[in-house]
Amino acid sequence: MSTIANIQADLVEEFAMFDDWMSRYEYVIDLGRQLAEFPEEWKTEANKIQGCQSQVWLNMQLQDGKLHIDGSSDAAIVSGLVAIVLRVYSDQTPADILAAKPDFIKDIGFTDHLSPTRSNGLHSMLRAIYQRAGAYL
């Protein structure tokens, strides 16, 4: 299993291959299309992330000492952001999640290139993951 820092570095390297932000957005959308099926019964208020303009759900469960996360959104770019967040944090220990800083957001350029509403949604997802990891410690 890769560490969160290694996964973040890999993501930054992947995004650096694209010359412009239109290509990066297309890549984000493609990542969202690859999300695993998210069962309708998981689309509950308890799993809904508050603070997102679009609808986002994260189902988080502790499995074998690691936080397993599944996610879904009703918006294409946000689905891609969900996929990125899952890649970084899913199946990591709560302690590792809490110790990791989300440097990939700035390093990829999301800080400067996401709309304020998408940026708020991304930070809301991260806040929910960190809160759940803290609850499992």
C-alpha atoms as a PDB file:
ATOM      1  CA  MET A   1       0.000   0.000   0.000  1.00  0.00           C
ATOM      2  CA  SER A   2       1.295   3.410  -0.924  1.00  0.00           C
ATOM      3  CA  THR A   3       1.551   6.104   1.664  1.00  0.00           C
ATOM      4  CA  ILE A   4      -0.678   9.156   1.409  1.00  0.00           C
ATOM      5  CA  ALA A   5       2.379  11.278   0.552  1.00  0.00           C
ATOM      6  CA  ASN A   6       3.310   8.922  -2.303  1.00  0.00           C
ATOM      7  CA  ILE A   7      -0.237   8.919  -3.658  1.00  0.00           C
ATOM      8  CA  GLN A   8      -0.326  12.718  -3.539  1.00  0.00           C
ATOM      9  CA  ALA A   9       3.030  12.918  -5.359  1.00  0.00           C
ATOM     10  CA  ASP A  10       1.765  10.527  -8.049  1.00  0.00           C
ATOM     11  CA  LEU A  11      -1.356  12.659  -8.549  1.00  0.00           C
ATOM     12  CA  VAL A  12       0.670  15.857  -8.852  1.00  0.00           C
ATOM     13  CA  GLU A  13       2.903  14.150 -11.431  1.00  0.00           C
ATOM     14  CA  GLU A  14      -0.116  12.913 -13.419  1.00  0.00           C
ATOM     15  CA  PHE A  15      -1.652  16.383 -13.551  1.00  0.00           C
ATOM     16  CA  ALA A  16       1.684  17.940 -14.553  1.00  0.00           C
ATOM     17  CA  MET A  17       1.506  15.971 -17.826  1.00  0.00           C
ATOM     18  CA  PHE A  18      -1.323  18.217 -19.030  1.00  0.00           C
ATOM     19  CA  ASP A  19      -0.434  21.506 -20.670  1.00  0.00           C
ATOM     20  CA  ASP A  20      -3.602  23.419 -19.870  1.00  0.00           C
ATOM     21  CA  TRP A  21      -6.484  23.487 -17.430  1.00  0.00           C
ATOM     22  CA  MET A  22      -9.069  22.365 -19.972  1.00  0.00           C
ATOM     23  CA  SER A  23      -7.154  19.083 -20.322  1.00  0.00           C
ATOM     24  CA  ARG A  24      -6.855  18.793 -16.551  1.00  0.00           C
ATOM     25  CA  TYR A  25     -10.609  19.279 -16.128  1.00  0.00           C
ATOM     26  CA  GLU A  26     -11.249  16.594 -18.747  1.00  0.00           C
ATOM     27  CA  TYR A  27      -8.958  14.277 -16.778  1.00  0.00           C
ATOM     28  CA  VAL A  28     -10.839  15.057 -13.553  1.00  0.00           C
ATOM     29  CA  ILE A  29     -14.126  14.219 -15.292  1.00  0.00           C
ATOM     30  CA  ASP A  30     -12.648  10.952 -16.616  1.00  0.00           C
ATOM     31  CA  LEU A  31     -11.566   9.996 -13.095  1.00  0.00           C
ATOM     32  CA  GLY A  32     -15.121  10.616 -11.888  1.00  0.00           C
ATOM     33  CA  ARG A  33     -16.512   8.310 -14.551  1.00  0.00           C
ATOM     34  CA  GLN A  34     -14.360   5.517 -13.113  1.00  0.00           C
ATOM     35  CA  LEU A  35     -15.895   5.665  -9.633  1.00  0.00           C
ATOM     36  CA  ALA A  36     -17.291   2.375  -8.399  1.00  0.00           C
ATOM     37  CA  GLU A  37     -21.061   1.998  -8.335  1.00  0.00           C
ATOM     38  CA  PHE A  38     -22.539   3.748  -5.314  1.00  0.00           C
ATOM     39  CA  PRO A  39     -25.677   1.964  -4.057  1.00  0.00           C
ATOM     40  CA  GLU A  40     -28.830   4.076  -3.710  1.00  0.00           C
ATOM     41  CA  GLU A  41     -29.243   2.938  -0.092  1.00  0.00           C
ATOM     42  CA  TRP A  42     -25.982   4.759   0.742  1.00  0.00           C
ATOM     43  CA  LYS A  43     -27.412   8.075  -0.485  1.00  0.00           C
ATOM     44  CA  THR A  44     -28.620   9.071   2.971  1.00  0.00           C
ATOM     45  CA  GLU A  45     -28.514  12.321   4.916  1.00  0.00           C
ATOM     46  CA  ALA A  46     -25.887  10.756   7.199  1.00  0.00           C
ATOM     47  CA  ASN A  47     -23.590  10.184   4.190  1.00  0.00           C
ATOM     48  CA  LYS A  48     -24.366  13.492   2.467  1.00  0.00           C
ATOM     49  CA  ILE A  49     -21.586  16.058   2.636  1.00  0.00           C
ATOM     50  CA  GLN A  50     -22.801  19.456   3.759  1.00  0.00           C
ATOM     51  CA  GLY A  51     -21.215  22.519   2.156  1.00  0.00           C
ATOM     52  CA  CYS A  52     -21.212  21.226  -1.410  1.00  0.00           C
ATOM     53  CA  GLN A  53     -23.299  22.961  -4.061  1.00  0.00           C
ATOM     54  CA  SER A  54     -23.789  19.665  -5.881  1.00  0.00           C
ATOM     55  CA  GLN A  55     -24.844  16.543  -4.043  1.00  0.00           C
ATOM     56  CA  VAL A  56     -21.980  14.482  -2.638  1.00  0.00           C
ATOM     57  CA  TRP A  57     -22.154  11.331  -0.553  1.00  0.00           C
ATOM     58  CA  LEU A  58     -19.305   9.548   1.205  1.00  0.00           C
ATOM     59  CA  ASN A  59     -19.864   6.153   2.799  1.00  0.00           C
ATOM     60  CA  MET A  60     -17.039   5.584   5.298  1.00  0.00           C
ATOM     61  CA  GLN A  61     -16.426   2.374   7.226  1.00  0.00           C
ATOM     62  CA  LEU A  62     -13.527   1.108   9.288  1.00  0.00           C
ATOM     63  CA  GLN A  63     -12.346  -2.200   7.810  1.00  0.00           C
ATOM     64  CA  ASP A  64      -9.332  -4.041   9.218  1.00  0.00           C
ATOM     65  CA  GLY A  65      -8.092  -0.863  10.906  1.00  0.00           C
ATOM     66  CA  LYS A  66      -8.335   1.221   7.737  1.00  0.00           C
ATOM     67  CA  LEU A  67     -10.934   3.757   6.676  1.00  0.00           C
ATOM     68  CA  HIS A  68     -12.610   2.508   3.514  1.00  0.00           C
ATOM     69  CA  ILE A  69     -14.429   5.257   1.624  1.00  0.00           C
ATOM     70  CA  ASP A  70     -16.875   5.037  -1.259  1.00  0.00           C
ATOM     71  CA  GLY A  71     -18.259   8.182  -2.833  1.00  0.00           C
ATOM     72  CA  SER A  72     -20.579   9.649  -5.414  1.00  0.00           C
ATOM     73  CA  SER A  73     -21.729  13.003  -6.755  1.00  0.00           C
ATOM     74  CA  ASP A  74     -24.389  14.194  -9.172  1.00  0.00           C
ATOM     75  CA  ALA A  75     -21.922  16.538 -10.951  1.00  0.00           C
ATOM     76  CA  ALA A  76     -19.179  15.511 -13.397  1.00  0.00           C
ATOM     77  CA  ILE A  77     -16.236  17.561 -12.124  1.00  0.00           C
ATOM     78  CA  VAL A  78     -17.174  16.981  -8.493  1.00  0.00           C
ATOM     79  CA  SER A  79     -17.329  13.228  -9.163  1.00  0.00           C
ATOM     80  CA  GLY A  80     -13.728  13.525 -10.326  1.00  0.00           C
ATOM     81  CA  LEU A  81     -12.797  15.361  -7.146  1.00  0.00           C
ATOM     82  CA  VAL A  82     -14.476  12.581  -5.170  1.00  0.00           C
ATOM     83  CA  ALA A  83     -12.391  10.020  -7.092  1.00  0.00           C
ATOM     84  CA  ILE A  84      -9.196  11.935  -6.289  1.00  0.00           C
ATOM     85  CA  VAL A  85     -10.051  12.211  -2.598  1.00  0.00           C
ATOM     86  CA  LEU A  86     -10.841   8.480  -2.446  1.00  0.00           C
ATOM     87  CA  ARG A  87      -7.556   7.652  -4.133  1.00  0.00           C
ATOM     88  CA  VAL A  88      -5.637   9.650  -1.535  1.00  0.00           C
ATOM     89  CA  TYR A  89      -7.492   8.661   1.642  1.00  0.00           C
ATOM     90  CA  SER A  90      -9.456   5.431   1.177  1.00  0.00           C
ATOM     91  CA  ASP A  91      -7.971   2.330   2.775  1.00  0.00           C
ATOM     92  CA  GLN A  92      -5.529   4.321   4.929  1.00  0.00           C
ATOM     93  CA  THR A  93      -5.385   4.164   8.713  1.00  0.00           C
ATOM     94  CA  PRO A  94      -7.151   6.922  10.640  1.00  0.00           C
ATOM     95  CA  ALA A  95      -3.795   7.952  12.171  1.00  0.00           C
ATOM     96  CA  ASP A  96      -2.177   8.275   8.728  1.00  0.00           C
ATOM     97  CA  ILE A  97      -5.139  10.285   7.432  1.00  0.00           C
ATOM     98  CA  LEU A  98      -4.972  12.696  10.365  1.00  0.00           C
ATOM     99  CA  ALA A  99      -1.198  13.083   9.986  1.00  0.00           C
ATOM    100  CA  ALA A 100      -1.407  13.887   6.262  1.00  0.00           C
ATOM    101  CA  LYS A 101      -1.712  17.417   4.995  1.00  0.00           C
ATOM    102  CA  PRO A 102      -3.732  17.764   1.758  1.00  0.00           C
ATOM    103  CA  ASP A 103      -0.796  19.308  -0.129  1.00  0.00           C
ATOM    104  CA  PHE A 104      -1.999  17.861  -3.441  1.00  0.00           C
ATOM    105  CA  ILE A 105      -4.747  20.500  -3.634  1.00  0.00           C
ATOM    106  CA  LYS A 106      -2.269  23.357  -3.928  1.00  0.00           C
ATOM    107  CA  ASP A 107       0.383  21.328  -5.766  1.00  0.00           C
ATOM    108  CA  ILE A 108      -2.012  20.307  -8.547  1.00  0.00           C
ATOM    109  CA  GLY A 109      -3.327  23.865  -8.798  1.00  0.00           C
ATOM    110  CA  PHE A 110      -6.845  23.305  -7.531  1.00  0.00           C
ATOM    111  CA  THR A 111      -6.444  26.221  -5.114  1.00  0.00           C
ATOM    112  CA  ASP A 112      -6.206  28.632  -8.057  1.00  0.00           C
ATOM    113  CA  HIS A 113      -8.357  26.872 -10.652  1.00  0.00           C
ATOM    114  CA  LEU A 114     -11.436  25.500  -8.899  1.00  0.00           C
ATOM    115  CA  SER A 115     -14.492  27.688  -8.590  1.00  0.00           C
ATOM    116  CA  PRO A 116     -15.232  28.823  -5.026  1.00  0.00           C
ATOM    117  CA  THR A 117     -18.216  26.450  -4.772  1.00  0.00           C
ATOM    118  CA  ARG A 118     -16.171  23.430  -5.936  1.00  0.00           C
ATOM    119  CA  SER A 119     -13.327  24.415  -3.639  1.00  0.00           C
ATOM    120  CA  ASN A 120     -15.761  24.630  -0.702  1.00  0.00           C
ATOM    121  CA  GLY A 121     -17.112  21.208  -1.624  1.00  0.00           C
ATOM    122  CA  LEU A 122     -13.631  19.703  -1.788  1.00  0.00           C
ATOM    123  CA  HIS A 123     -12.776  21.121   1.634  1.00  0.00           C
ATOM    124  CA  SER A 124     -16.098  19.849   3.007  1.00  0.00           C
ATOM    125  CA  MET A 125     -15.244  16.340   1.803  1.00  0.00           C
ATOM    126  CA  LEU A 126     -11.817  16.540   3.438  1.00  0.00           C
ATOM    127  CA  ARG A 127     -13.304  17.862   6.679  1.00  0.00           C
ATOM    128  CA  ALA A 128     -15.765  14.929   6.784  1.00  0.00           C
ATOM    129  CA  ILE A 129     -12.971  12.411   6.180  1.00  0.00           C
ATOM    130  CA  TYR A 130     -10.742  13.929   8.867  1.00  0.00           C
ATOM    131  CA  GLN A 131     -13.657  14.028  11.323  1.00  0.00           C
ATOM    132  CA  ARG A 132     -14.507  10.372  10.684  1.00  0.00           C
ATOM    133  CA  ALA A 133     -10.845   9.357  10.966  1.00  0.00           C
ATOM    134  CA  GLY A 134     -10.665  11.210  14.279  1.00  0.00           C
ATOM    135  CA  ALA A 135     -13.793   9.454  15.525  1.00  0.00           C
ATOM    136  CA  TYR A 136     -12.240   6.058  14.757  1.00  0.00           C
ATOM    137  CA  LEU A 137      -8.978   6.776  16.599  1.00  0.00           C
END
